[in-house]
């Protein structure tokens, strides 16, 4: 059993998160260390972070999500880290479970945490989000993000993996334009990822893959049960796939 209390570093990467960051920093006051890696926000994010004496602000140019997360990992003093996005919140039950888990006798190297997706102020129950889980809590000495993945990062874990019982609340969708912009940026990053792997931008894939994405999430993943919210989310996720192939075609053409 651990002879002394394990300390926790909470890591956040930000860019123009003035809408969310204050509430998040108030929410994670149980952390032993809070590090915000900001990619030179132009809104009030920096001022808000600097107003919290227990938060350390580091500015670092953004290349991709994987590089930024690995950079943040290198700044943490403690072995146990909790990565959280500015638009995510922890319940009191989840906070308690995190503290208990890292101080338990038989800890895993990394823990999945399920997320509740919030569409504005109401919960999205289906549309592919009902089983959404992500690595958020892990021992940094046994984990590193795969540098081949630049978006929807993949954590490489050495050792056992487990899952926490309580969920993160994810306030990802605040407006149509905001989420569309987010999906566009994901599409651009995925295009560069595919270009690095020399994947060809077949025109048929550009047509069929977005359609498949929409139909799969809307029908197979029960997006239709979310009503109009489901239509919106499924469409925007398909839009991101369309942008991926469109940008990949542009990048490939520019190399010829």
Protein backbone atom coordinates (compact mmCIF):
# COMPACT_ATOMS: atom_id res chain seq x y z
CA UNK A 1 0.00 0.00 0.00
CA UNK A 2 1.21 3.55 -0.74
CA UNK A 3 2.82 4.87 2.45
CA UNK A 4 2.14 8.51 1.67
CA UNK A 5 -0.63 10.42 -0.07
CA UNK A 6 -0.23 10.50 -3.84
CA UNK A 7 -0.27 13.98 -5.35
CA UNK A 8 -2.22 14.88 -8.47
CA UNK A 9 -1.33 17.25 -11.31
CA UNK A 10 -4.27 18.52 -13.36
CA UNK A 11 -3.30 19.50 -16.91
CA UNK A 12 -5.34 21.70 -19.26
CA UNK A 13 -4.54 22.87 -22.79
CA UNK A 14 -6.32 26.02 -23.92
CA UNK A 15 -6.91 28.41 -26.80
CA UNK A 16 -9.49 31.16 -26.33
CA UNK A 17 -11.42 29.43 -23.56
CA UNK A 18 -12.67 32.48 -21.64
CA UNK A 19 -16.18 31.03 -21.73
CA UNK A 20 -15.18 27.92 -19.76
CA UNK A 21 -11.86 28.30 -17.98
CA UNK A 22 -12.98 30.17 -14.84
CA UNK A 23 -15.62 27.58 -13.96
CA UNK A 24 -13.16 24.76 -14.58
CA UNK A 25 -10.40 26.23 -12.41
CA UNK A 26 -12.93 26.70 -9.60
CA UNK A 27 -13.99 23.08 -10.10
CA UNK A 28 -10.53 21.52 -9.69
CA UNK A 29 -9.45 23.08 -6.41
CA UNK A 30 -8.75 19.57 -5.07
CA UNK A 31 -5.64 19.27 -7.28
CA UNK A 32 -2.13 19.50 -5.83
CA UNK A 33 -0.87 21.15 -9.01
CA UNK A 34 -2.74 22.88 -11.86
CA UNK A 35 -0.93 23.57 -15.14
CA UNK A 36 -2.57 25.41 -18.03
CA UNK A 37 -0.70 25.18 -21.34
CA UNK A 38 -2.08 27.97 -23.49
CA UNK A 39 -1.36 28.42 -27.20
CA UNK A 40 -1.38 32.23 -27.10
CA UNK A 41 -5.07 32.97 -26.59
CA UNK A 42 -6.31 36.34 -27.85
CA UNK A 43 -9.32 36.56 -25.52
CA UNK A 44 -9.37 36.82 -21.71
CA UNK A 45 -8.19 33.25 -21.06
CA UNK A 46 -4.70 34.26 -19.89
CA UNK A 47 -5.98 36.98 -17.54
CA UNK A 48 -8.47 34.57 -16.00
CA UNK A 49 -5.84 31.86 -15.45
CA UNK A 50 -3.42 34.36 -13.92
CA UNK A 51 -6.09 35.41 -11.43
CA UNK A 52 -5.92 31.90 -9.90
CA UNK A 53 -2.87 31.76 -7.63
CA UNK A 54 -2.88 27.95 -7.56
CA UNK A 55 -2.69 27.66 -11.37
CA UNK A 56 0.54 27.79 -13.36
CA UNK A 57 0.29 29.27 -16.86
CA UNK A 58 2.71 28.18 -19.59
CA UNK A 59 2.36 29.45 -23.16
CA UNK A 60 3.44 27.14 -25.95
CA UNK A 61 2.80 27.36 -29.69
CA UNK A 62 0.24 24.83 -30.91
CA UNK A 63 1.38 22.30 -33.52
CA UNK A 64 -1.14 19.56 -32.88
CA UNK A 65 -3.03 18.07 -29.94
CA UNK A 66 -0.59 15.22 -29.35
CA UNK A 67 2.47 17.48 -29.22
CA UNK A 68 0.69 19.91 -26.90
CA UNK A 69 -0.44 17.16 -24.53
CA UNK A 70 3.02 15.57 -24.39
CA UNK A 71 4.50 19.02 -23.72
CA UNK A 72 2.05 19.48 -20.84
CA UNK A 73 2.97 16.05 -19.47
CA UNK A 74 6.61 17.05 -19.32
CA UNK A 75 5.74 20.06 -17.13
CA UNK A 76 3.94 18.05 -14.44
CA UNK A 77 5.79 17.52 -11.15
CA UNK A 78 3.66 14.60 -10.00
CA UNK A 79 3.44 11.05 -11.38
CA UNK A 80 -0.36 11.03 -11.38
CA UNK A 81 -1.95 13.37 -13.89
CA UNK A 82 -5.52 14.22 -14.78
CA UNK A 83 -6.00 15.71 -18.23
CA UNK A 84 -9.16 17.72 -18.57
CA UNK A 85 -10.48 20.01 -21.29
CA UNK A 86 -11.77 23.49 -20.52
CA UNK A 87 -15.31 22.48 -21.49
CA UNK A 88 -15.39 19.50 -19.10
CA UNK A 89 -16.54 19.38 -15.46
CA UNK A 90 -16.07 16.91 -12.62
CA UNK A 91 -18.80 15.80 -10.26
CA UNK A 92 -17.99 15.61 -6.54
CA UNK A 93 -18.33 11.83 -6.81
CA UNK A 94 -15.73 11.69 -9.57
CA UNK A 95 -13.30 13.87 -7.61
CA UNK A 96 -13.56 11.54 -4.63
CA UNK A 97 -13.12 8.49 -6.84
CA UNK A 98 -9.98 9.96 -8.43
CA UNK A 99 -8.35 10.67 -5.06
CA UNK A 100 -9.29 7.21 -3.75
CA UNK A 101 -8.05 5.51 -6.93
CA UNK A 102 -4.56 7.01 -7.03
CA UNK A 103 -4.08 6.13 -3.36
CA UNK A 104 -5.36 2.56 -3.69
CA UNK A 105 -3.11 -0.47 -3.21
CA UNK A 106 -3.52 -1.96 -6.70
CA UNK A 107 -3.65 0.92 -9.15
CA UNK A 108 -3.73 0.55 -12.91
CA UNK A 109 -1.37 2.58 -15.12
CA UNK A 110 -4.25 4.45 -16.79
CA UNK A 111 -7.99 4.90 -16.36
CA UNK A 112 -10.75 5.48 -18.86
CA UNK A 113 -13.46 7.93 -17.83
CA UNK A 114 -16.85 7.95 -19.53
CA UNK A 115 -18.27 11.31 -20.62
CA UNK A 116 -21.76 12.76 -20.64
CA UNK A 117 -22.12 14.92 -23.77
CA UNK A 118 -24.07 18.13 -23.19
CA UNK A 119 -25.85 19.79 -26.13
CA UNK A 120 -26.06 23.35 -24.83
CA UNK A 121 -27.77 22.70 -21.47
CA UNK A 122 -29.34 19.30 -22.09
CA UNK A 123 -27.87 15.83 -22.26
CA UNK A 124 -27.32 14.07 -25.57
CA UNK A 125 -28.22 10.44 -24.94
CA UNK A 126 -27.29 8.77 -28.23
CA UNK A 127 -25.73 9.84 -31.60
CA UNK A 128 -22.59 7.80 -30.90
CA UNK A 129 -21.86 9.52 -27.58
CA UNK A 130 -23.54 6.98 -25.30
CA UNK A 131 -20.36 4.89 -24.98
CA UNK A 132 -17.83 7.71 -25.23
CA UNK A 133 -14.86 7.16 -22.93
CA UNK A 134 -11.38 8.59 -22.91
CA UNK A 135 -8.11 8.30 -20.99
CA UNK A 136 -8.00 11.16 -18.52
CA UNK A 137 -6.30 9.81 -15.39
CA UNK A 138 -2.95 8.06 -15.64
CA UNK A 139 0.56 7.58 -14.29
CA UNK A 140 2.75 9.68 -16.57
CA UNK A 141 5.82 7.47 -16.03
CA UNK A 142 3.96 4.65 -17.83
CA UNK A 143 2.09 6.59 -20.51
CA UNK A 144 2.78 8.77 -23.54
CA UNK A 145 0.67 10.05 -26.42
CA UNK A 146 1.34 8.41 -29.79
CA UNK A 147 3.06 11.03 -31.95
CA UNK A 148 1.59 9.54 -35.14
CA UNK A 149 -1.88 10.69 -34.07
CA UNK A 150 -2.33 14.46 -34.17
CA UNK A 151 -6.03 14.64 -33.28
CA UNK A 152 -8.22 12.29 -31.21
CA UNK A 153 -4.97 11.45 -29.49
CA UNK A 154 -4.05 7.87 -28.62
CA UNK A 155 -2.39 7.17 -25.27
CA UNK A 156 0.24 4.42 -25.26
CA UNK A 157 -0.01 2.65 -21.90
CA UNK A 158 2.54 0.37 -20.27
CA UNK A 159 0.72 -1.77 -17.74
CA UNK A 160 -2.89 -2.50 -16.72
CA UNK A 161 -5.85 -0.33 -17.76
CA UNK A 162 -9.08 0.19 -15.84
CA UNK A 163 -12.21 2.38 -15.93
CA UNK A 164 -13.62 4.75 -13.33
CA UNK A 165 -17.30 4.47 -12.39
CA UNK A 166 -18.21 8.15 -12.37
CA UNK A 167 -18.43 10.31 -15.49
CA UNK A 168 -17.11 13.64 -16.74
CA UNK A 169 -19.69 16.17 -17.91
CA UNK A 170 -18.66 17.42 -21.36
CA UNK A 171 -20.05 20.82 -22.42
CA UNK A 172 -18.69 20.53 -25.96
CA UNK A 173 -21.63 21.99 -27.90
CA UNK A 174 -22.35 25.62 -27.03
CA UNK A 175 -23.50 26.79 -30.48
CA UNK A 176 -23.77 25.51 -34.04
CA UNK A 177 -21.00 27.74 -35.38
CA UNK A 178 -18.66 26.96 -32.50
CA UNK A 179 -19.02 23.20 -32.92
CA UNK A 180 -18.80 23.46 -36.72
CA UNK A 181 -15.51 25.35 -36.35
CA UNK A 182 -14.24 22.65 -34.01
CA UNK A 183 -15.19 19.89 -36.47
CA UNK A 184 -13.55 21.82 -39.32
CA UNK A 185 -10.27 22.06 -37.38
CA UNK A 186 -10.40 18.34 -36.55
CA UNK A 187 -10.88 17.61 -40.24
CA UNK A 188 -7.83 19.68 -41.20
CA UNK A 189 -5.65 17.93 -38.62
CA UNK A 190 -6.86 14.48 -39.69
CA UNK A 191 -6.04 15.35 -43.32
CA UNK A 192 -2.45 16.16 -42.37
CA UNK A 193 -2.27 12.94 -40.37
CA UNK A 194 -3.38 10.93 -43.41
CA UNK A 195 -1.00 12.83 -45.69
CA UNK A 196 1.90 11.84 -43.43
CA UNK A 197 0.84 8.21 -43.87
CA UNK A 198 0.69 8.64 -47.68
CA UNK A 199 -3.05 7.80 -47.78
CA UNK A 200 -4.65 8.64 -51.13
CA UNK A 201 -7.67 10.99 -51.25
CA UNK A 202 -9.95 8.83 -53.41
CA UNK A 203 -12.93 10.84 -54.64
CA UNK A 204 -15.34 8.02 -53.87
CA UNK A 205 -14.20 8.02 -50.24
CA UNK A 206 -14.82 11.77 -50.05
CA UNK A 207 -18.43 11.12 -51.04
CA UNK A 208 -19.17 7.86 -49.23
CA UNK A 209 -17.27 8.16 -45.95
CA UNK A 210 -19.17 11.27 -44.72
CA UNK A 211 -22.47 9.65 -45.76
CA UNK A 212 -21.55 6.46 -43.93
CA UNK A 213 -20.57 8.47 -40.83
CA UNK A 214 -23.92 10.26 -40.75
CA UNK A 215 -26.02 7.16 -41.34
CA UNK A 216 -24.04 5.05 -38.87
CA UNK A 217 -24.37 7.59 -36.06
CA UNK A 218 -27.94 8.58 -36.88
CA UNK A 219 -29.36 5.08 -37.40
CA UNK A 220 -27.06 2.41 -35.93
CA UNK A 221 -26.02 4.59 -32.98
CA UNK A 222 -29.63 5.81 -32.48
CA UNK A 223 -29.03 9.49 -33.26
CA UNK A 224 -32.64 9.75 -34.41
CA UNK A 225 -33.71 9.28 -30.78
CA UNK A 226 -32.00 12.60 -29.97
CA UNK A 227 -34.35 14.38 -32.40
CA UNK A 228 -33.12 17.63 -33.90
CA UNK A 229 -30.02 17.59 -31.67
CA UNK A 230 -29.10 14.20 -33.13
CA UNK A 231 -29.46 15.46 -36.70
CA UNK A 232 -27.17 18.39 -35.92
CA UNK A 233 -24.44 16.37 -34.21
CA UNK A 234 -24.46 13.56 -36.78
CA UNK A 235 -24.32 16.07 -39.63
CA UNK A 236 -21.42 18.02 -38.14
CA UNK A 237 -19.44 14.85 -37.44
CA UNK A 238 -19.98 13.83 -41.08
CA UNK A 239 -18.97 17.35 -42.13
CA UNK A 240 -15.63 16.88 -40.35
CA UNK A 241 -15.00 13.72 -42.38
CA UNK A 242 -15.86 15.58 -45.59
CA UNK A 243 -13.38 18.37 -44.71
CA UNK A 244 -10.74 15.71 -44.00
CA UNK A 245 -10.87 14.36 -47.57
CA UNK A 246 -11.31 17.76 -49.17
CA UNK A 247 -8.19 19.05 -47.44
CA UNK A 248 -6.30 15.84 -48.18
CA UNK A 249 -7.07 16.28 -51.90
CA UNK A 250 -5.84 19.87 -51.74
CA UNK A 251 -2.63 18.93 -49.95
CA UNK A 252 -1.95 16.02 -52.29
CA UNK A 253 -2.55 18.19 -55.39
CA UNK A 254 -0.18 20.87 -54.10
CA UNK A 255 2.61 18.26 -53.90
CA UNK A 256 2.27 17.23 -57.54
